[in-house]
Amino acid sequence: MRSRTFTPRRRGADPVEVAEFLDRVATDLAAAYAALARSREEVTRIKAALREWQSRQASAARDLARRRP
């Protein structure tokens, strides 16, 4: 993206090339944001599952400790 060059025109870069490039960048950026959102949702789900597992493990450890003579 940083190395992209456009065909020189009399008054700057070719507007059609610039528009096409910006469309591709916008599409890629939207895909990246969507992937980031999915990743964040997955992290939230995994954290919740971990907390639930930790709670069950702590409860089981307490129960086991109480049963020991």
C-alpha atoms as a PDB file:
ATOM      1  CA  MET A   1       0.000   0.000   0.000  1.00  0.00           C
ATOM      2  CA  ARG A   2       2.780   2.456   0.833  1.00  0.00           C
ATOM      3  CA  SER A   3       4.644   1.693  -2.349  1.00  0.00           C
ATOM      4  CA  ARG A   4       1.628   2.142  -4.638  1.00  0.00           C
ATOM      5  CA  THR A   5       2.224   4.591  -7.469  1.00  0.00           C
ATOM      6  CA  PHE A   6      -0.270   6.030  -9.915  1.00  0.00           C
ATOM      7  CA  THR A   7       0.037   7.076 -13.515  1.00  0.00           C
ATOM      8  CA  PRO A   8       0.983  10.736 -13.602  1.00  0.00           C
ATOM      9  CA  ARG A   9      -1.619  12.987 -15.194  1.00  0.00           C
ATOM     10  CA  ARG A  10      -1.574  16.612 -16.026  1.00  0.00           C
ATOM     11  CA  ARG A  11      -3.180  17.546 -12.706  1.00  0.00           C
ATOM     12  CA  GLY A  12      -1.877  14.776 -10.461  1.00  0.00           C
ATOM     13  CA  ALA A  13      -2.615  11.054 -10.375  1.00  0.00           C
ATOM     14  CA  ASP A  14      -5.151   9.249 -12.546  1.00  0.00           C
ATOM     15  CA  PRO A  15      -8.418   9.589 -10.599  1.00  0.00           C
ATOM     16  CA  VAL A  16      -9.748   6.248 -11.866  1.00  0.00           C
ATOM     17  CA  GLU A  17      -6.651   4.417 -10.583  1.00  0.00           C
ATOM     18  CA  VAL A  18      -6.884   6.232  -7.269  1.00  0.00           C
ATOM     19  CA  ALA A  19     -10.582   5.380  -6.890  1.00  0.00           C
ATOM     20  CA  GLU A  20      -9.957   1.709  -7.726  1.00  0.00           C
ATOM     21  CA  PHE A  21      -7.095   1.572  -5.265  1.00  0.00           C
ATOM     22  CA  LEU A  22      -9.161   3.187  -2.516  1.00  0.00           C
ATOM     23  CA  ASP A  23     -11.974   0.708  -3.175  1.00  0.00           C
ATOM     24  CA  ARG A  24      -9.548  -2.197  -2.743  1.00  0.00           C
ATOM     25  CA  VAL A  25      -8.130  -0.655   0.431  1.00  0.00           C
ATOM     26  CA  ALA A  26     -11.630  -0.103   1.829  1.00  0.00           C
ATOM     27  CA  THR A  27     -12.592  -3.717   1.065  1.00  0.00           C
ATOM     28  CA  ASP A  28      -9.429  -5.051   2.689  1.00  0.00           C
ATOM     29  CA  LEU A  29      -9.888  -2.802   5.709  1.00  0.00           C
ATOM     30  CA  ALA A  30     -13.504  -3.933   6.138  1.00  0.00           C
ATOM     31  CA  ALA A  31     -12.362  -7.559   5.998  1.00  0.00           C
ATOM     32  CA  ALA A  32      -9.664  -6.855   8.591  1.00  0.00           C
ATOM     33  CA  TYR A  33     -12.160  -5.182  10.922  1.00  0.00           C
ATOM     34  CA  ALA A  34     -14.564  -8.113  10.520  1.00  0.00           C
ATOM     35  CA  ALA A  35     -11.788 -10.589  11.330  1.00  0.00           C
ATOM     36  CA  LEU A  36     -10.810  -8.505  14.357  1.00  0.00           C
ATOM     37  CA  ALA A  37     -14.413  -8.498  15.589  1.00  0.00           C
ATOM     38  CA  ARG A  38     -14.611 -12.291  15.195  1.00  0.00           C
ATOM     39  CA  SER A  39     -11.345 -12.659  17.090  1.00  0.00           C
ATOM     40  CA  ARG A  40     -12.593 -10.470  19.914  1.00  0.00           C
ATOM     41  CA  GLU A  41     -15.809 -12.494  20.142  1.00  0.00           C
ATOM     42  CA  GLU A  42     -13.774 -15.694  20.286  1.00  0.00           C
ATOM     43  CA  VAL A  43     -11.558 -14.255  23.034  1.00  0.00           C
ATOM     44  CA  THR A  44     -14.649 -13.295  25.031  1.00  0.00           C
ATOM     45  CA  ARG A  45     -16.088 -16.801  24.611  1.00  0.00           C
ATOM     46  CA  ILE A  46     -12.816 -18.464  25.608  1.00  0.00           C
ATOM     47  CA  LYS A  47     -12.389 -16.222  28.659  1.00  0.00           C
ATOM     48  CA  ALA A  48     -15.917 -17.042  29.820  1.00  0.00           C
ATOM     49  CA  ALA A  49     -15.274 -20.766  29.360  1.00  0.00           C
ATOM     50  CA  LEU A  50     -12.006 -20.475  31.280  1.00  0.00           C
ATOM     51  CA  ARG A  51     -13.692 -18.635  34.169  1.00  0.00           C
ATOM     52  CA  GLU A  52     -16.390 -21.310  34.308  1.00  0.00           C
ATOM     53  CA  TRP A  53     -13.785 -24.081  34.302  1.00  0.00           C
ATOM     54  CA  GLN A  54     -11.764 -22.335  37.026  1.00  0.00           C
ATOM     55  CA  SER A  55     -14.882 -21.967  39.164  1.00  0.00           C
ATOM     56  CA  ARG A  56     -15.684 -25.666  38.813  1.00  0.00           C
ATOM     57  CA  GLN A  57     -12.095 -26.617  39.627  1.00  0.00           C
ATOM     58  CA  ALA A  58     -12.026 -24.380  42.712  1.00  0.00           C
ATOM     59  CA  SER A  59     -15.336 -25.798  43.882  1.00  0.00           C
ATOM     60  CA  ALA A  60     -14.132 -29.353  43.367  1.00  0.00           C
ATOM     61  CA  ALA A  61     -10.901 -28.607  45.251  1.00  0.00           C
ATOM     62  CA  ARG A  62     -12.855 -27.168  48.191  1.00  0.00           C
ATOM     63  CA  ASP A  63     -15.144 -30.209  48.261  1.00  0.00           C
ATOM     64  CA  LEU A  64     -12.167 -32.533  48.193  1.00  0.00           C
ATOM     65  CA  ALA A  65     -10.439 -30.627  51.000  1.00  0.00           C
ATOM     66  CA  ARG A  66     -13.554 -30.873  53.177  1.00  0.00           C
ATOM     67  CA  ARG A  67     -13.787 -34.643  52.678  1.00  0.00           C
ATOM     68  CA  ARG A  68     -10.244 -35.318  53.817  1.00  0.00           C
ATOM     69  CA  PRO A  69      -9.957 -36.524  57.410  1.00  0.00           C
END
